[in-house]
PDB file of N, CA and C in Angstrom:
ATOM      1  N   MET A   1       7.247  -0.285  15.284  1.00  0.00           N
ATOM      2  CA  MET A   1       6.523   0.297  14.127  1.00  0.00           C
ATOM      3  C   MET A   1       5.487  -0.735  13.644  1.00  0.00           C
ATOM      4  N   THR A   2       4.282  -0.264  13.430  1.00  0.00           N
ATOM      5  CA  THR A   2       3.229  -1.156  12.969  1.00  0.00           C
ATOM      6  C   THR A   2       3.364  -1.396  11.463  1.00  0.00           C
ATOM      7  N   LEU A   3       2.676  -2.422  10.996  1.00  0.00           N
ATOM      8  CA  LEU A   3       2.706  -2.692   9.572  1.00  0.00           C
ATOM      9  C   LEU A   3       2.125  -1.519   8.786  1.00  0.00           C
ATOM     10  N   GLU A   4       1.072  -0.908   9.336  1.00  0.00           N
ATOM     11  CA  GLU A   4       0.454   0.259   8.660  1.00  0.00           C
ATOM     12  C   GLU A   4       1.444   1.404   8.517  1.00  0.00           C
ATOM     13  N   GLU A   5       2.173   1.680   9.576  1.00  0.00           N
ATOM     14  CA  GLU A   5       3.180   2.752   9.530  1.00  0.00           C
ATOM     15  C   GLU A   5       4.255   2.446   8.520  1.00  0.00           C
ATOM     16  N   LYS A   6       4.682   1.202   8.514  1.00  0.00           N
ATOM     17  CA  LYS A   6       5.727   0.769   7.581  1.00  0.00           C
ATOM     18  C   LYS A   6       5.217   0.916   6.163  1.00  0.00           C
ATOM     19  N   LEU A   7       3.981   0.518   5.869  1.00  0.00           N
ATOM     20  CA  LEU A   7       3.399   0.664   4.559  1.00  0.00           C
ATOM     21  C   LEU A   7       3.354   2.097   4.099  1.00  0.00           C
ATOM     22  N   LYS A   8       2.965   2.985   5.004  1.00  0.00           N
ATOM     23  CA  LYS A   8       2.897   4.415   4.637  1.00  0.00           C
ATOM     24  C   LYS A   8       4.264   4.924   4.232  1.00  0.00           C
ATOM     25  N   GLU A   9       5.285   4.545   4.995  1.00  0.00           N
ATOM     26  CA  GLU A   9       6.663   4.985   4.663  1.00  0.00           C
ATOM     27  C   GLU A   9       7.095   4.407   3.336  1.00  0.00           C
ATOM     28  N   ILE A  10       6.859   3.142   3.125  1.00  0.00           N
ATOM     29  CA  ILE A  10       7.278   2.468   1.881  1.00  0.00           C
ATOM     30  C   ILE A  10       6.531   3.089   0.697  1.00  0.00           C
ATOM     31  N   ILE A  11       5.241   3.286   0.784  1.00  0.00           N
ATOM     32  CA  ILE A  11       4.473   3.851  -0.331  1.00  0.00           C
ATOM     33  C   ILE A  11       4.987   5.231  -0.687  1.00  0.00           C
ATOM     34  N   ILE A  12       5.172   6.069   0.330  1.00  0.00           N
ATOM     35  CA  ILE A  12       5.589   7.431   0.042  1.00  0.00           C
ATOM     36  C   ILE A  12       7.034   7.481  -0.489  1.00  0.00           C
ATOM     37  N   SER A  13       7.947   6.652   0.060  1.00  0.00           N
ATOM     38  CA  SER A  13       9.315   6.683  -0.443  1.00  0.00           C
ATOM     39  C   SER A  13       9.466   5.978  -1.747  1.00  0.00           C
ATOM     40  N   ASP A  14       8.931   4.764  -1.917  1.00  0.00           N
ATOM     41  CA  ASP A  14       9.159   3.985  -3.145  1.00  0.00           C
ATOM     42  C   ASP A  14       8.358   4.553  -4.350  1.00  0.00           C
ATOM     43  N   LEU A  15       7.192   5.118  -4.092  1.00  0.00           N
ATOM     44  CA  LEU A  15       6.436   5.723  -5.176  1.00  0.00           C
ATOM     45  C   LEU A  15       6.723   7.224  -5.348  1.00  0.00           C
ATOM     46  N   LYS A  16       7.685   7.699  -4.556  1.00  0.00           N
ATOM     47  CA  LYS A  16       8.152   9.082  -4.637  1.00  0.00           C
ATOM     48  C   LYS A  16       7.005  10.099  -4.563  1.00  0.00           C
ATOM     49  N   ILE A  17       6.185   9.926  -3.555  1.00  0.00           N
ATOM     50  CA  ILE A  17       5.065  10.853  -3.278  1.00  0.00           C
ATOM     51  C   ILE A  17       5.609  12.112  -2.645  1.00  0.00           C
ATOM     52  N   LYS A  18       5.299  13.242  -3.216  1.00  0.00           N
ATOM     53  CA  LYS A  18       5.790  14.519  -2.703  1.00  0.00           C
ATOM     54  C   LYS A  18       4.684  15.243  -1.896  1.00  0.00           C
ATOM     55  N   GLY A  19       5.082  15.978  -0.897  1.00  0.00           N
ATOM     56  CA  GLY A  19       4.149  16.846  -0.179  1.00  0.00           C
ATOM     57  C   GLY A  19       3.277  16.180   0.866  1.00  0.00           C
ATOM     58  N   VAL A  20       3.515  14.902   1.134  1.00  0.00           N
ATOM     59  CA  VAL A  20       2.742  14.158   2.140  1.00  0.00           C
ATOM     60  C   VAL A  20       3.725  13.347   2.959  1.00  0.00           C
ATOM     61  N   SER A  21       3.537  13.419   4.306  1.00  0.00           N
ATOM     62  CA  SER A  21       4.385  12.620   5.184  1.00  0.00           C
ATOM     63  C   SER A  21       3.544  11.408   5.655  1.00  0.00           C
ATOM     64  N   PRO A  22       4.187  10.331   6.076  1.00  0.00           N
ATOM     65  CA  PRO A  22       3.461   9.187   6.575  1.00  0.00           C
ATOM     66  C   PRO A  22       2.499   9.555   7.732  1.00  0.00           C
ATOM     67  N   ALA A  23       2.891  10.474   8.569  1.00  0.00           N
ATOM     68  CA  ALA A  23       2.090  10.879   9.718  1.00  0.00           C
ATOM     69  C   ALA A  23       0.757  11.552   9.271  1.00  0.00           C
ATOM     70  N   GLU A  24       0.747  12.109   8.099  1.00  0.00           N
ATOM     71  CA  GLU A  24      -0.464  12.808   7.588  1.00  0.00           C
ATOM     72  C   GLU A  24      -1.510  11.823   6.980  1.00  0.00           C
ATOM     73  N   VAL A  25      -1.111  10.601   6.777  1.00  0.00           N
ATOM     74  CA  VAL A  25      -1.978   9.632   6.116  1.00  0.00           C
ATOM     75  C   VAL A  25      -2.618   8.709   7.195  1.00  0.00           C
ATOM     76  N   ALA A  26      -3.942   8.765   7.259  1.00  0.00           N
ATOM     77  CA  ALA A  26      -4.658   7.900   8.175  1.00  0.00           C
ATOM     78  C   ALA A  26      -4.793   6.475   7.553  1.00  0.00           C
ATOM     79  N   ASP A  27      -4.909   5.481   8.394  1.00  0.00           N
ATOM     80  CA  ASP A  27      -5.032   4.097   7.909  1.00  0.00           C
ATOM     81  C   ASP A  27      -6.210   3.914   6.969  1.00  0.00           C
ATOM     82  N   GLU A  28      -7.246   4.746   7.140  1.00  0.00           N
ATOM     83  CA  GLU A  28      -8.478   4.601   6.372  1.00  0.00           C
ATOM     84  C   GLU A  28      -8.503   5.540   5.133  1.00  0.00           C
ATOM     85  N   ASP A  29      -7.510   6.371   4.957  1.00  0.00           N
ATOM     86  CA  ASP A  29      -7.473   7.262   3.785  1.00  0.00           C
ATOM     87  C   ASP A  29      -7.339   6.429   2.526  1.00  0.00           C
ATOM     88  N   LEU A  30      -8.134   6.817   1.501  1.00  0.00           N
ATOM     89  CA  LEU A  30      -8.080   6.114   0.225  1.00  0.00           C
ATOM     90  C   LEU A  30      -6.695   6.248  -0.421  1.00  0.00           C
ATOM     91  N   LEU A  31      -6.176   5.138  -0.948  1.00  0.00           N
ATOM     92  CA  LEU A  31      -4.899   5.181  -1.645  1.00  0.00           C
ATOM     93  C   LEU A  31      -5.047   5.859  -2.989  1.00  0.00           C
ATOM     94  N   PHE A  32      -6.166   5.609  -3.650  1.00  0.00           N
ATOM     95  CA  PHE A  32      -6.385   6.183  -4.979  1.00  0.00           C
ATOM     96  C   PHE A  32      -7.460   7.275  -4.844  1.00  0.00           C
ATOM     97  N   GLY A  33      -7.122   8.483  -5.276  1.00  0.00           N
ATOM     98  CA  GLY A  33      -8.063   9.567  -5.173  1.00  0.00           C
ATOM     99  C   GLY A  33      -8.063  10.249  -3.842  1.00  0.00           C
ATOM    100  N   GLY A  34      -7.230   9.803  -2.931  1.00  0.00           N
ATOM    101  CA  GLY A  34      -7.152  10.372  -1.588  1.00  0.00           C
ATOM    102  C   GLY A  34      -5.926  11.267  -1.445  1.00  0.00           C
ATOM    103  N   LYS A  35      -5.434  11.393  -0.243  1.00  0.00           N
ATOM    104  CA  LYS A  35      -4.258  12.242   0.046  1.00  0.00           C
ATOM    105  C   LYS A  35      -3.032  11.852  -0.738  1.00  0.00           C
ATOM    106  N   LEU A  36      -2.897  10.547  -0.942  1.00  0.00           N
ATOM    107  CA  LEU A  36      -1.685  10.087  -1.678  1.00  0.00           C
ATOM    108  C   LEU A  36      -1.815  10.350  -3.170  1.00  0.00           C
ATOM    109  N   GLY A  37      -3.024  10.415  -3.686  1.00  0.00           N
ATOM    110  CA  GLY A  37      -3.218  10.738  -5.097  1.00  0.00           C
ATOM    111  C   GLY A  37      -2.663   9.698  -6.058  1.00  0.00           C
ATOM    112  N   LEU A  38      -2.705   8.425  -5.646  1.00  0.00           N
ATOM    113  CA  LEU A  38      -2.199   7.369  -6.537  1.00  0.00           C
ATOM    114  C   LEU A  38      -3.098   7.228  -7.764  1.00  0.00           C
ATOM    115  N   ASP A  39      -2.471   6.767  -8.866  1.00  0.00           N
ATOM    116  CA  ASP A  39      -3.195   6.533 -10.111  1.00  0.00           C
ATOM    117  C   ASP A  39      -2.916   5.106 -10.584  1.00  0.00           C
ATOM    118  N   SER A  40      -3.396   4.770 -11.786  1.00  0.00           N
ATOM    119  CA  SER A  40      -3.258   3.416 -12.286  1.00  0.00           C
ATOM    120  C   SER A  40      -1.809   2.988 -12.459  1.00  0.00           C
ATOM    121  N   LEU A  41      -0.926   3.890 -12.850  1.00  0.00           N
ATOM    122  CA  LEU A  41       0.500   3.576 -12.974  1.00  0.00           C
ATOM    123  C   LEU A  41       1.084   3.273 -11.583  1.00  0.00           C
ATOM    124  N   ASP A  42       0.625   4.000 -10.583  1.00  0.00           N
ATOM    125  CA  ASP A  42       1.099   3.719  -9.218  1.00  0.00           C
ATOM    126  C   ASP A  42       0.658   2.361  -8.739  1.00  0.00           C
ATOM    127  N   ALA A  43      -0.519   1.903  -9.232  1.00  0.00           N
ATOM    128  CA  ALA A  43      -1.031   0.597  -8.846  1.00  0.00           C
ATOM    129  C   ALA A  43      -0.052  -0.488  -9.282  1.00  0.00           C
ATOM    130  N   VAL A  44       0.465  -0.347 -10.513  1.00  0.00           N
ATOM    131  CA  VAL A  44       1.422  -1.316 -11.024  1.00  0.00           C
ATOM    132  C   VAL A  44       2.702  -1.285 -10.190  1.00  0.00           C
ATOM    133  N   GLU A  45       3.155  -0.074  -9.847  1.00  0.00           N
ATOM    134  CA  GLU A  45       4.348   0.031  -8.999  1.00  0.00           C
ATOM    135  C   GLU A  45       4.101  -0.523  -7.628  1.00  0.00           C
ATOM    136  N   LEU A  46       2.883  -0.320  -7.096  1.00  0.00           N
ATOM    137  CA  LEU A  46       2.571  -0.834  -5.776  1.00  0.00           C
ATOM    138  C   LEU A  46       2.614  -2.355  -5.744  1.00  0.00           C
ATOM    139  N   VAL A  47       2.192  -2.992  -6.813  1.00  0.00           N
ATOM    140  CA  VAL A  47       2.310  -4.441  -6.893  1.00  0.00           C
ATOM    141  C   VAL A  47       3.768  -4.896  -6.802  1.00  0.00           C
ATOM    142  N   MET A  48       4.651  -4.164  -7.490  1.00  0.00           N
ATOM    143  CA  MET A  48       6.091  -4.486  -7.450  1.00  0.00           C
ATOM    144  C   MET A  48       6.692  -4.179  -6.055  1.00  0.00           C
ATOM    145  N   VAL A  49       6.221  -3.131  -5.426  1.00  0.00           N
ATOM    146  CA  VAL A  49       6.685  -2.767  -4.082  1.00  0.00           C
ATOM    147  C   VAL A  49       6.326  -3.869  -3.084  1.00  0.00           C
ATOM    148  N   LEU A  50       5.126  -4.390  -3.205  1.00  0.00           N
ATOM    149  CA  LEU A  50       4.696  -5.461  -2.285  1.00  0.00           C
ATOM    150  C   LEU A  50       5.536  -6.722  -2.464  1.00  0.00           C
ATOM    151  N   LYS A  51       5.898  -7.018  -3.707  1.00  0.00           N
ATOM    152  CA  LYS A  51       6.747  -8.163  -3.981  1.00  0.00           C
ATOM    153  C   LYS A  51       8.162  -7.901  -3.407  1.00  0.00           C
ATOM    154  N   LYS A  52       8.687  -6.739  -3.598  1.00  0.00           N
ATOM    155  CA  LYS A  52      10.035  -6.408  -3.156  1.00  0.00           C
ATOM    156  C   LYS A  52      10.136  -6.453  -1.612  1.00  0.00           C
ATOM    157  N   HIS A  53       9.205  -5.826  -0.941  1.00  0.00           N
ATOM    158  CA  HIS A  53       9.312  -5.664   0.527  1.00  0.00           C
ATOM    159  C   HIS A  53       8.717  -6.834   1.320  1.00  0.00           C
ATOM    160  N   PHE A  54       7.699  -7.502   0.730  1.00  0.00           N
ATOM    161  CA  PHE A  54       6.997  -8.520   1.502  1.00  0.00           C
ATOM    162  C   PHE A  54       6.943  -9.904   0.822  1.00  0.00           C
ATOM    163  N   GLY A  55       7.480  -9.985  -0.401  1.00  0.00           N
ATOM    164  CA  GLY A  55       7.475 -11.290  -1.101  1.00  0.00           C
ATOM    165  C   GLY A  55       6.064 -11.720  -1.546  1.00  0.00           C
ATOM    166  N   ILE A  56       5.168 -10.737  -1.682  1.00  0.00           N
ATOM    167  CA  ILE A  56       3.788 -11.061  -2.039  1.00  0.00           C
ATOM    168  C   ILE A  56       3.514 -10.691  -3.481  1.00  0.00           C
ATOM    169  N   GLU A  57       2.935 -11.628  -4.202  1.00  0.00           N
ATOM    170  CA  GLU A  57       2.539 -11.334  -5.601  1.00  0.00           C
ATOM    171  C   GLU A  57       1.031 -11.265  -5.683  1.00  0.00           C
ATOM    172  N   ILE A  58       0.578 -10.229  -6.401  1.00  0.00           N
ATOM    173  CA  ILE A  58      -0.860 -10.091  -6.638  1.00  0.00           C
ATOM    174  C   ILE A  58      -1.101 -10.278  -8.144  1.00  0.00           C
ATOM    175  N   ARG A  59      -1.854 -11.312  -8.472  1.00  0.00           N
ATOM    176  CA  ARG A  59      -2.063 -11.595  -9.898  1.00  0.00           C
ATOM    177  C   ARG A  59      -3.503 -11.336 -10.305  1.00  0.00           C
ATOM    178  N   ASP A  60      -4.411 -11.329  -9.354  1.00  0.00           N
ATOM    179  CA  ASP A  60      -5.839 -11.163  -9.625  1.00  0.00           C
ATOM    180  C   ASP A  60      -6.239  -9.698  -9.475  1.00  0.00           C
ATOM    181  N   ARG A  61      -6.735  -9.120 -10.542  1.00  0.00           N
ATOM    182  CA  ARG A  61      -7.076  -7.673 -10.564  1.00  0.00           C
ATOM    183  C   ARG A  61      -8.156  -7.359  -9.507  1.00  0.00           C
ATOM    184  N   ASN A  62      -9.148  -8.230  -9.331  1.00  0.00           N
ATOM    185  CA  ASN A  62     -10.196  -7.955  -8.327  1.00  0.00           C
ATOM    186  C   ASN A  62      -9.640  -8.022  -6.926  1.00  0.00           C
ATOM    187  N   GLU A  63      -8.733  -8.949  -6.706  1.00  0.00           N
ATOM    188  CA  GLU A  63      -8.074  -9.062  -5.386  1.00  0.00           C
ATOM    189  C   GLU A  63      -7.293  -7.777  -5.105  1.00  0.00           C
ATOM    190  N   ALA A  64      -6.575  -7.309  -6.094  1.00  0.00           N
ATOM    191  CA  ALA A  64      -5.800  -6.070  -5.926  1.00  0.00           C
ATOM    192  C   ALA A  64      -6.702  -4.901  -5.642  1.00  0.00           C
ATOM    193  N   ARG A  65      -7.787  -4.792  -6.383  1.00  0.00           N
ATOM    194  CA  ARG A  65      -8.700  -3.644  -6.238  1.00  0.00           C
ATOM    195  C   ARG A  65      -9.217  -3.560  -4.797  1.00  0.00           C
ATOM    196  N   SER A  66      -9.677  -4.659  -4.206  1.00  0.00           N
ATOM    197  CA  SER A  66     -10.220  -4.595  -2.849  1.00  0.00           C
ATOM    198  C   SER A  66      -9.097  -4.418  -1.803  1.00  0.00           C
ATOM    199  N   SER A  67      -7.933  -4.937  -2.069  1.00  0.00           N
ATOM    200  CA  SER A  67      -6.831  -4.793  -1.132  1.00  0.00           C
ATOM    201  C   SER A  67      -6.206  -3.429  -1.159  1.00  0.00           C
ATOM    202  N   PHE A  68      -6.272  -2.732  -2.284  1.00  0.00           N
ATOM    203  CA  PHE A  68      -5.664  -1.418  -2.415  1.00  0.00           C
ATOM    204  C   PHE A  68      -6.571  -0.269  -2.043  1.00  0.00           C
ATOM    205  N   GLU A  69      -7.642  -0.545  -1.356  1.00  0.00           N
ATOM    206  CA  GLU A  69      -8.591   0.504  -0.982  1.00  0.00           C
ATOM    207  C   GLU A  69      -7.920   1.530  -0.066  1.00  0.00           C
ATOM    208  N   CYS A  70      -7.267   1.089   0.998  1.00  0.00           N
ATOM    209  CA  CYS A  70      -6.600   2.008   1.942  1.00  0.00           C
ATOM    210  C   CYS A  70      -5.461   1.234   2.606  1.00  0.00           C
ATOM    211  N   VAL A  71      -4.690   1.946   3.467  1.00  0.00           N
ATOM    212  CA  VAL A  71      -3.553   1.303   4.132  1.00  0.00           C
ATOM    213  C   VAL A  71      -4.041   0.134   5.001  1.00  0.00           C
ATOM    214  N   ARG A  72      -5.157   0.325   5.659  1.00  0.00           N
ATOM    215  CA  ARG A  72      -5.685  -0.731   6.526  1.00  0.00           C
ATOM    216  C   ARG A  72      -6.009  -2.000   5.777  1.00  0.00           C
ATOM    217  N   THR A  73      -6.656  -1.887   4.597  1.00  0.00           N
ATOM    218  CA  THR A  73      -7.001  -3.096   3.826  1.00  0.00           C
ATOM    219  C   THR A  73      -5.761  -3.733   3.213  1.00  0.00           C
ATOM    220  N   LEU A  74      -4.782  -2.916   2.859  1.00  0.00           N
ATOM    221  CA  LEU A  74      -3.546  -3.446   2.315  1.00  0.00           C
ATOM    222  C   LEU A  74      -2.773  -4.207   3.408  1.00  0.00           C
ATOM    223  N   ALA A  75      -2.725  -3.668   4.587  1.00  0.00           N
ATOM    224  CA  ALA A  75      -2.070  -4.336   5.734  1.00  0.00           C
ATOM    225  C   ALA A  75      -2.768  -5.661   6.022  1.00  0.00           C
ATOM    226  N   ALA A  76      -4.096  -5.670   6.004  1.00  0.00           N
ATOM    227  CA  ALA A  76      -4.840  -6.902   6.248  1.00  0.00           C
ATOM    228  C   ALA A  76      -4.533  -7.934   5.203  1.00  0.00           C
ATOM    229  N   TYR A  77      -4.417  -7.524   3.957  1.00  0.00           N
ATOM    230  CA  TYR A  77      -4.074  -8.431   2.863  1.00  0.00           C
ATOM    231  C   TYR A  77      -2.719  -9.069   3.112  1.00  0.00           C
ATOM    232  N   ILE A  78      -1.730  -8.256   3.505  1.00  0.00           N
ATOM    233  CA  ILE A  78      -0.396  -8.745   3.749  1.00  0.00           C
ATOM    234  C   ILE A  78      -0.410  -9.702   4.927  1.00  0.00           C
ATOM    235  N   ARG A  79      -1.078  -9.339   6.002  1.00  0.00           N
ATOM    236  CA  ARG A  79      -1.153 -10.209   7.170  1.00  0.00           C
ATOM    237  C   ARG A  79      -1.773 -11.576   6.829  1.00  0.00           C
ATOM    238  N   ALA A  80      -2.765 -11.558   5.989  1.00  0.00           N
ATOM    239  CA  ALA A  80      -3.451 -12.809   5.618  1.00  0.00           C
ATOM    240  C   ALA A  80      -2.511 -13.729   4.835  1.00  0.00           C
ATOM    241  N   ARG A  81      -1.509 -13.186   4.197  1.00  0.00           N
ATOM    242  CA  ARG A  81      -0.636 -13.989   3.366  1.00  0.00           C
ATOM    243  C   ARG A  81       0.725 -14.270   3.984  1.00  0.00           C
ATOM    244  N   ARG A  82       1.034 -13.593   5.107  1.00  0.00           N
ATOM    245  CA  ARG A  82       2.315 -13.788   5.763  1.00  0.00           C
ATOM    246  C   ARG A  82       2.084 -13.958   7.224  1.00  0.00           C
ATOM    247  N   ASN A  83       2.703 -14.959   7.804  1.00  0.00           N
ATOM    248  CA  ASN A  83       2.556 -15.199   9.233  1.00  0.00           C
ATOM    249  C   ASN A  83       3.517 -14.390  10.077  1.00  0.00           C
ATOM    250  N   ASP A  84       4.586 -13.914   9.433  1.00  0.00           N
ATOM    251  CA  ASP A  84       5.650 -13.265  10.195  1.00  0.00           C
ATOM    252  C   ASP A  84       5.621 -11.724  10.172  1.00  0.00           C
ATOM    253  N   VAL A  85       4.538 -11.158   9.668  1.00  0.00           N
ATOM    254  CA  VAL A  85       4.427  -9.669   9.630  1.00  0.00           C
ATOM    255  C   VAL A  85       3.561  -9.229  10.761  1.00  0.00           C
TER     256      VAL A  85
END
């Protein structure tokens, strides 16, 4: 399983997204305003999910904004901070 696939599963299950399966989400689909329909409250939860599953803390709002664009950018952010993913 790729990191992108794992992220899709985690986002959908941990954020309790209904009506969308991981297979339906492309790596380039927008996280906010896209198929997943995430909002600002989900952004806060996503920060906690990243800490829980990957041990990564995001403290800078601008860093989060660019990293949370899509699954691909989120995976790149994680890879840049972890050598074992």
